[in-house]
Each structure stands twice: as structure tokens, then as C-alpha cells.
C-alpha atoms as a PDB file:
ATOM      1  CA  MET A   1      90.710  74.805  85.946  1.00  0.00           C
ATOM      2  CA  SER A   2      93.567  73.051  85.914  1.00  0.00           C
ATOM      3  CA  ALA A   3      95.506  72.713  89.259  1.00  0.00           C
ATOM      4  CA  ILE A   4      98.272  74.042  89.965  1.00  0.00           C
ATOM      5  CA  GLY A   5     101.809  71.965  89.051  1.00  0.00           C
ATOM      6  CA  GLY A   6     104.449  71.965  86.995  1.00  0.00           C
ATOM      7  CA  VAL A   7     107.482  75.260  86.959  1.00  0.00           C
ATOM      8  CA  GLY A   8     105.084  76.892  84.857  1.00  0.00           C
ATOM      9  CA  GLY A   9     103.104  76.181  88.118  1.00  0.00           C
ATOM     10  CA  VAL A  10     105.529  77.594  90.209  1.00  0.00           C
ATOM     11  CA  ASP A  11     106.479  80.608  88.304  1.00  0.00           C
ATOM     12  CA  ARG A  12     102.890  82.003  89.077  1.00  0.00           C
ATOM     13  CA  VAL A  13     102.379  81.399  92.375  1.00  0.00           C
ATOM     14  CA  MET A  14     105.684  83.103  92.867  1.00  0.00           C
ATOM     15  CA  ALA A  15     104.486  85.808  90.903  1.00  0.00           C
ATOM     16  CA  LEU A  16     101.132  86.071  92.681  1.00  0.00           C
ATOM     17  CA  ARG A  17     103.587  85.806  96.028  1.00  0.00           C
ATOM     18  CA  ALA A  18     105.696  88.737  94.508  1.00  0.00           C
ATOM     19  CA  GLN A  19     101.820  91.042  93.222  1.00  0.00           C
ATOM     20  CA  ILE A  20     100.259  90.555  96.900  1.00  0.00           C
ATOM     21  CA  LEU A  21     104.093  91.895  98.645  1.00  0.00           C
ATOM     22  CA  GLU A  22     103.852  94.562  96.150  1.00  0.00           C
ATOM     23  CA  ARG A  23     100.579  96.199  96.841  1.00  0.00           C
ATOM     24  CA  ASN A  24     100.840  94.998 100.824  1.00  0.00           C
ATOM     25  CA  SER A  25     104.152  97.236 101.121  1.00  0.00           C
ATOM     26  CA  ALA A  26     102.245  99.983  99.145  1.00  0.00           C
ATOM     27  CA  LEU A  27      98.796  99.677 101.257  1.00  0.00           C
ATOM     28  CA  GLN A  28     101.407 100.422 104.291  1.00  0.00           C
ATOM     29  CA  ARG A  29     103.479 103.132 102.609  1.00  0.00           C
ATOM     30  CA  ALA A  30      99.988 104.383 102.399  1.00  0.00           C
ATOM     31  CA  ASN A  31      98.007 104.239 105.685  1.00  0.00           C
ATOM     32  CA  THR A  32     102.137 105.315 107.221  1.00  0.00           C
ATOM     33  CA  ALA A  33     101.132 108.691 104.409  1.00  0.00           C
ATOM     34  CA  ALA A  34      97.747 108.730 105.574  1.00  0.00           C
ATOM     35  CA  ALA A  35      98.549 109.216 109.238  1.00  0.00           C
ATOM     36  CA  ALA A  36     101.663 111.842 109.011  1.00  0.00           C
ATOM     37  CA  PRO A  37      98.952 114.312 107.845  1.00  0.00           C
ATOM     38  CA  ALA A  38      96.271 116.341 110.138  1.00  0.00           C
ATOM     39  CA  VAL A  39      93.750 115.737 108.269  1.00  0.00           C
ATOM     40  CA  ASP A  40      90.186 117.706 109.554  1.00  0.00           C
ATOM     41  CA  SER A  41      87.426 115.062 109.830  1.00  0.00           C
ATOM     42  CA  ALA A  42      84.681 116.876 107.445  1.00  0.00           C
ATOM     43  CA  THR A  43      87.446 116.373 104.559  1.00  0.00           C
ATOM     44  CA  ALA A  44      88.138 112.782 105.425  1.00  0.00           C
ATOM     45  CA  ALA A  45      87.002 109.456 103.851  1.00  0.00           C
ATOM     46  CA  ALA A  46      85.324 107.001 105.368  1.00  0.00           C
ATOM     47  CA  PRO A  47      87.424 104.156 106.084  1.00  0.00           C
ATOM     48  CA  THR A  48      86.041 100.801 103.894  1.00  0.00           C
ATOM     49  CA  SER A  49      84.888  98.064 105.763  1.00  0.00           C
ATOM     50  CA  PHE A  50      86.853  94.835 105.346  1.00  0.00           C
ATOM     51  CA  ALA A  51      83.126  93.600 103.636  1.00  0.00           C
ATOM     52  CA  ASP A  52      82.951  95.522 101.483  1.00  0.00           C
ATOM     53  CA  THR A  53      86.726  95.847 100.104  1.00  0.00           C
ATOM     54  CA  MET A  54      86.328  91.523  99.492  1.00  0.00           C
ATOM     55  CA  GLN A  55      83.077  92.501  98.021  1.00  0.00           C
ATOM     56  CA  ASN A  56      84.604  95.021  95.697  1.00  0.00           C
ATOM     57  CA  ALA A  57      87.960  92.186  94.915  1.00  0.00           C
ATOM     58  CA  LEU A  58      85.141  89.874  94.292  1.00  0.00           C
ATOM     59  CA  ALA A  59      83.086  91.835  91.693  1.00  0.00           C
ATOM     60  CA  LYS A  60      86.661  92.828  90.105  1.00  0.00           C
ATOM     61  CA  VAL A  61      86.918  89.168  89.439  1.00  0.00           C
ATOM     62  CA  ASN A  62      83.591  87.984  88.418  1.00  0.00           C
ATOM     63  CA  ASP A  63      84.137  91.630  85.891  1.00  0.00           C
ATOM     64  CA  GLY A  64      87.934  90.068  84.514  1.00  0.00           C
ATOM     65  CA  GLN A  65      85.668  86.663  84.458  1.00  0.00           C
ATOM     66  CA  GLN A  66      82.816  87.729  82.141  1.00  0.00           C
ATOM     67  CA  ARG A  67      85.629  89.897  79.997  1.00  0.00           C
ATOM     68  CA  ALA A  68      87.594  86.849  79.325  1.00  0.00           C
ATOM     69  CA  SER A  69      84.044  84.627  78.480  1.00  0.00           C
ATOM     70  CA  ALA A  70      83.009  87.810  75.970  1.00  0.00           C
ATOM     71  CA  LEU A  71      86.200  88.309  74.423  1.00  0.00           C
ATOM     72  CA  SER A  72      86.168  84.231  74.154  1.00  0.00           C
ATOM     73  CA  GLU A  73      83.000  84.443  72.246  1.00  0.00           C
ATOM     74  CA  GLN A  74      84.018  86.917  70.368  1.00  0.00           C
ATOM     75  CA  TYR A  75      87.133  85.085  68.251  1.00  0.00           C
ATOM     76  CA  GLU A  76      84.998  82.248  68.211  1.00  0.00           C
ATOM     77  CA  ARG A  77      81.889  84.016  66.459  1.00  0.00           C
ATOM     78  CA  GLY A  78      84.884  85.095  64.535  1.00  0.00           C
ATOM     79  CA  GLU A  79      84.803  88.578  65.125  1.00  0.00           C
ATOM     80  CA  THR A  80      88.300  90.431  64.572  1.00  0.00           C
ATOM     81  CA  ILE A  81      89.524  89.983  67.969  1.00  0.00           C
ATOM     82  CA  ASP A  82      93.334  89.655  68.730  1.00  0.00           C
ATOM     83  CA  ILE A  83      94.314  85.774  70.305  1.00  0.00           C
ATOM     84  CA  ALA A  84      96.999  87.297  72.429  1.00  0.00           C
ATOM     85  CA  LYS A  85      94.449  89.189  74.059  1.00  0.00           C
ATOM     86  CA  VAL A  86      91.592  87.029  74.290  1.00  0.00           C
ATOM     87  CA  MET A  87      94.900  84.503  75.717  1.00  0.00           C
ATOM     88  CA  LEU A  88      95.983  87.222  78.483  1.00  0.00           C
ATOM     89  CA  ALA A  89      91.845  88.126  79.654  1.00  0.00           C
ATOM     90  CA  ARG A  90      91.367  84.530  80.030  1.00  0.00           C
ATOM     91  CA  GLN A  91      95.499  84.371  82.523  1.00  0.00           C
ATOM     92  CA  GLU A  92      93.918  87.415  84.202  1.00  0.00           C
ATOM     93  CA  ALA A  93      90.748  86.304  84.687  1.00  0.00           C
ATOM     94  CA  SER A  94      92.181  82.485  85.870  1.00  0.00           C
ATOM     95  CA  VAL A  95      95.337  84.304  87.989  1.00  0.00           C
ATOM     96  CA  GLY A  96      92.454  86.716  89.370  1.00  0.00           C
ATOM     97  CA  PHE A  97      90.409  83.064  90.541  1.00  0.00           C
ATOM     98  CA  GLU A  98      93.353  81.110  91.728  1.00  0.00           C
ATOM     99  CA  ALA A  99      94.048  84.492  94.185  1.00  0.00           C
ATOM    100  CA  THR A 100      90.944  84.853  96.210  1.00  0.00           C
ATOM    101  CA  MET A 101      91.037  80.537  96.314  1.00  0.00           C
ATOM    102  CA  GLN A 102      94.263  81.527  98.387  1.00  0.00           C
ATOM    103  CA  VAL A 103      92.284  84.175  99.912  1.00  0.00           C
ATOM    104  CA  ARG A 104      89.166  82.352 100.823  1.00  0.00           C
ATOM    105  CA  ASN A 105      91.618  79.151 102.206  1.00  0.00           C
ATOM    106  CA  LYS A 106      93.506  82.094 103.995  1.00  0.00           C
ATOM    107  CA  ILE A 107      90.545  83.297 105.345  1.00  0.00           C
ATOM    108  CA  LEU A 108      89.103  79.518 106.784  1.00  0.00           C
ATOM    109  CA  SER A 109      92.649  78.533 107.758  1.00  0.00           C
ATOM    110  CA  ALA A 110      92.123  81.618 110.449  1.00  0.00           C
ATOM    111  CA  TYR A 111      88.539  81.276 111.120  1.00  0.00           C
ATOM    112  CA  LYS A 112      89.568  77.290 111.868  1.00  0.00           C
ATOM    113  CA  ASP A 113      92.651  78.669 113.868  1.00  0.00           C
ATOM    114  CA  ILE A 114      90.848  81.353 116.097  1.00  0.00           C
ATOM    115  CA  MET A 115      87.911  78.507 116.471  1.00  0.00           C
ATOM    116  CA  SER A 116      90.446  75.499 117.910  1.00  0.00           C
ATOM    117  CA  MET A 117      92.182  78.588 120.709  1.00  0.00           C
ATOM    118  CA  PRO A 118      91.633  77.612 123.821  1.00  0.00           C
ATOM    119  CA  VAL A 119      88.946  80.202 125.892  1.00  0.00           C
END
């Protein structure tokens, strides 16, 4: 994994930031729309916990990395795999991993801030 640097690294970070902001606004719209209609409690889906959400996200990142590795291995063996497909999968896995690391860093930072608060 290479360090983020240069113009390409900044562009990737800005694209990742834009993607996160877009997803955040989509989630807010979904939450607003979900809160508006009255739903029968028997048919309502159970809310997921933060731990479940994080576990699902980590599983998706892991799946992306395994897929990228499998495509790379297939290409190296000479199977009929397009190099563009391999590179795209590798970049998707890289972005997913970087996003996961940023989330982890933010969680650790928030934990440190909370622990350093006076009671």
C-alpha cells in the first residue's frame, strides 16, 4: 500500500470525501423519508446496530480485496481476464481499504476525545 501523496492522492481523497458526503446525504434523506410514514410495528424491520453495520462494511472490504487478488492471480496465470478489469478491482479494493482506515482513525480520535473529557 503506497502512501497518499501528490496530485493523484489528493484527487483520490477528494473523490472519497465527495462519495462519503453523498452517501451521508442519501442516508439522511432515507431516514427522513422513513420517519415520515407511520409503519406498523409488526412489519417494521429491526434497526441494525453500529457493530453490525461495521462488520458488514468490513466484510465488503474484505470481499473486494479477495476478488482483486483472485482476478490478479487469474491474470498472472494467463487466463482470459482483461487487465482493465483487474486494475479496476485493485483500485476499488484500495479505496475501500483506505476508507476503512479513515473510519478507524476517526473512531479512535473520537474515543480519545471522549476519554480526555473532564467528568
